[in-house]
Amino acid sequence: MQISDGEINWFYTMEGQGEPVLFLHGGFDTCVNYSNLFAELVDDFCVIAVDRRGHGRTADTDAPFDYALMAEELASFTRKLNLSSFHVIGYSDGANIGLHMASRFPKMIKSLIAISGNYKGSSGMSEGCLKMFDALSVAFVREHMAEVLEQYAELNPKPAPETFIAKTKKLWNQESIISRELLTTLQVPTLLVGGDRDMILPEQFVEMKALIPDSSLLMLPYCGHFVFQDFAWSSTASFAVRLFKEFLSARFAEHNTDFI
């Protein structure tokens, strides 16, 4: 489905019934890659999955890739769908956008599941991840992540790979994603999720747990940055989603209970 919001013609899917859950994918990504995750959720929730600007089937504009700006854009998207309040599940870049949405629109966001998100930017990433960020170019992605460019060329209505990768490289090399001060003022119940082999350093997850007032932390064993995409789906992902559903359900149950 598509809906226009000013300059942006959003591509999104909506499936299931119940409380609305907005899913935000990661960088170099599209909501097309999460069919297993959505299948686990749609029996209990209405899952709205959107390709953010410049990704998947949503064309880009001249604006930069910026987490705070993309949070504003996605809040506008939800208003076009007449969503007054909803839960957010964000992965990687989507988790970072979710943190900004929770900060800016606390009355809209009922709860946030932030998977492999971060707040420090480049200073909180693994050494191998930083080397990859520095090397990003069309040639590098074509050699090491060919499926990214193939899917982008296939899906995007106005593919511009040089711009797509340059904007992403600038976004990923930022020294700060969201301030510690903003994290300490979040009013949205938050579940932080990371892999013990994630490209985000484990101590950063622990720091975020300490900073965000109403937050829990779920560390997944034997897992890296990719857990919930179709190509990485496993029994660990299925188990984690059962916990996700309990966390989301606890936020609108008649008798609210603590989680974890």
Foldseek 3Di string as FASTA:
>chain_A
DWDDDVPKIKDKDKAADDFEEEEAEAALDAPVQFPVLVVLPRPHYTYIYIAFEVDFAMDHDPDFDALLVSLVVVVSVVVVVVQQAGAYEYAASGLLSVLNNLLVPVRRHLAYERENYFWQFPVQFAPVVVVCLVPFAPVVCCVPVVVSVVSSVVGYPDDDPRRSRVSVSVRRRDRGSHDLVSQQPRPHQYEYEYEPAERGHPVRQVVSQVSHDRYHYHYQYPDYSDERGPVNDDVSNSVVSVLVVVVVCLSPDPDRDRRD
